[in-house]
Protein backbone atom coordinates (compact mmCIF):
# COMPACT_ATOMS: atom_id res chain seq x y z
CA MET A 1 56.21 109.17 132.94
CA VAL A 2 55.55 105.58 133.42
CA ASP A 3 53.19 104.18 136.44
CA GLU A 4 53.71 100.47 137.70
CA GLU A 5 50.51 98.81 137.60
CA GLY A 6 49.12 97.85 141.13
CA THR A 7 51.66 100.18 143.07
CA GLU A 8 51.98 103.91 143.44
CA ASN A 9 55.57 103.72 141.96
CA PHE A 10 56.52 105.68 138.80
CA THR A 11 59.30 106.29 136.54
CA ILE A 12 60.39 109.36 134.84
CA HIS A 13 62.08 108.93 131.26
CA PHE A 14 64.40 111.87 129.78
CA THR A 15 65.17 111.45 126.22
CA PHE A 16 68.24 113.28 124.76
CA ARG A 17 69.76 113.77 121.58
CA GLU A 18 73.36 112.51 120.69
CA ASN A 19 75.37 115.36 121.95
CA GLU A 20 79.03 116.13 123.15
CA TYR A 21 78.61 116.27 126.95
CA ILE A 22 76.87 112.90 127.91
CA LYS A 23 76.79 109.48 126.39
CA ASN A 24 73.40 108.69 127.53
CA LEU A 25 70.59 109.05 125.45
CA LEU A 26 68.09 107.87 127.92
CA LEU A 27 67.93 108.94 131.60
CA THR A 28 65.48 107.69 134.19
CA LYS A 29 64.56 108.44 137.79
CA LYS A 30 62.19 105.86 139.49
CA TYR A 31 60.31 106.72 142.61
CA TYR A 32 59.16 104.23 145.07
CA ILE A 33 56.11 104.99 147.16
CA GLU A 34 54.44 103.48 150.20
CA LYS A 35 51.28 104.76 151.66
CA SER A 36 51.33 107.78 149.34
CA VAL A 37 54.94 108.72 150.70
CA PRO A 38 58.06 108.27 148.34
CA ILE A 39 60.48 106.20 150.30
CA LYS A 40 63.26 105.87 147.97
CA CYS A 41 64.50 106.99 144.02
CA GLU A 42 66.83 105.21 141.85
CA SER A 43 68.51 107.21 138.62
CA THR A 44 70.16 106.34 135.62
CA THR A 45 74.10 107.01 136.21
CA VAL A 46 75.23 110.00 134.00
CA ASP A 47 78.09 109.15 131.60
CA TRP A 48 79.92 112.23 131.15
CA VAL A 49 82.23 112.82 127.89
CA GLY A 50 84.76 114.89 129.45
CA LYS A 51 83.84 117.29 132.12
CA ASN A 52 81.34 116.33 134.74
CA PHE A 53 78.87 119.45 135.04
CA THR A 54 77.77 118.51 138.51
CA LEU A 55 81.11 119.45 140.27
CA LYS A 56 83.29 122.22 139.86
CA GLU A 57 86.85 122.68 140.77
CA VAL A 58 87.71 125.25 143.70
CA LYS A 59 91.42 126.41 144.35
CA LYS A 60 92.22 127.71 147.85
CA LYS A 61 95.45 129.02 148.90
CA GLN A 62 96.52 127.73 152.42
CA LYS A 63 99.49 129.26 154.19
CA ASN A 64 101.79 127.02 156.52
CA LYS A 65 101.79 128.79 159.84
CA LYS A 66 105.22 127.89 160.92
CA THR A 67 107.00 128.55 157.60
CA GLY A 68 105.02 131.15 155.83
CA GLN A 69 104.89 129.09 152.59
CA GLN A 70 101.78 129.12 150.58
CA ARG A 71 100.29 126.03 148.45
CA VAL A 72 97.27 125.99 146.47
CA VAL A 73 94.81 123.06 147.28
CA THR A 74 92.10 121.89 144.70
CA LYS A 75 88.94 120.23 145.51
CA GLN A 76 85.86 119.45 143.62
CA VAL A 77 82.65 120.56 145.22
CA LYS A 78 79.05 120.20 144.08
CA ASN A 79 77.77 122.64 141.26
CA LYS A 80 74.33 123.74 140.56
CA SER A 81 73.09 121.59 137.57
CA PHE A 82 69.74 119.96 136.17
CA PHE A 83 71.62 116.76 136.24
CA ASN A 84 71.94 116.68 139.94
CA PHE A 85 68.30 115.58 139.70
CA PHE A 86 69.92 111.94 138.70
CA ILE A 87 71.13 111.20 142.08
CA ASN A 88 69.92 108.16 144.16
CA CYS A 89 68.20 108.99 147.35
CA ASP A 90 66.60 107.38 150.50
CA LEU A 91 63.73 109.30 151.86
CA THR A 92 62.63 106.58 154.41
CA GLY A 93 63.36 109.18 157.55
CA MET A 94 62.18 112.27 155.50
CA SER A 95 58.62 111.57 155.82
CA THR A 96 58.49 110.77 159.45
CA ASN A 97 60.77 114.35 159.98
CA LEU A 98 58.27 116.12 158.14
CA MET A 99 55.17 114.94 160.19
CA GLU A 100 56.87 115.84 163.37
CA LEU A 101 57.36 119.53 162.13
CA ASN A 102 53.49 119.82 161.58
């Protein structure tokens, strides 16, 4: 973890060995803080080799009401993964919402 001098911002570094799943050897996540509240975070984009493990394919059968024919529709949905941590996010409205809950 690296702190930026003079600010509350910080960056987390994850170092990986060469592997068959991702090209990146270093992934980072930087948090921007204002008045002790996180406002956004920026992450390294994961360069996948082959399959993206943060997504999974879901196949669903659909039936046409008129003709009765069936077809299979394939779509990608989010999958639980450690690598979901490396998604950029904007938290500017979150702190206000949390304060309203208290």
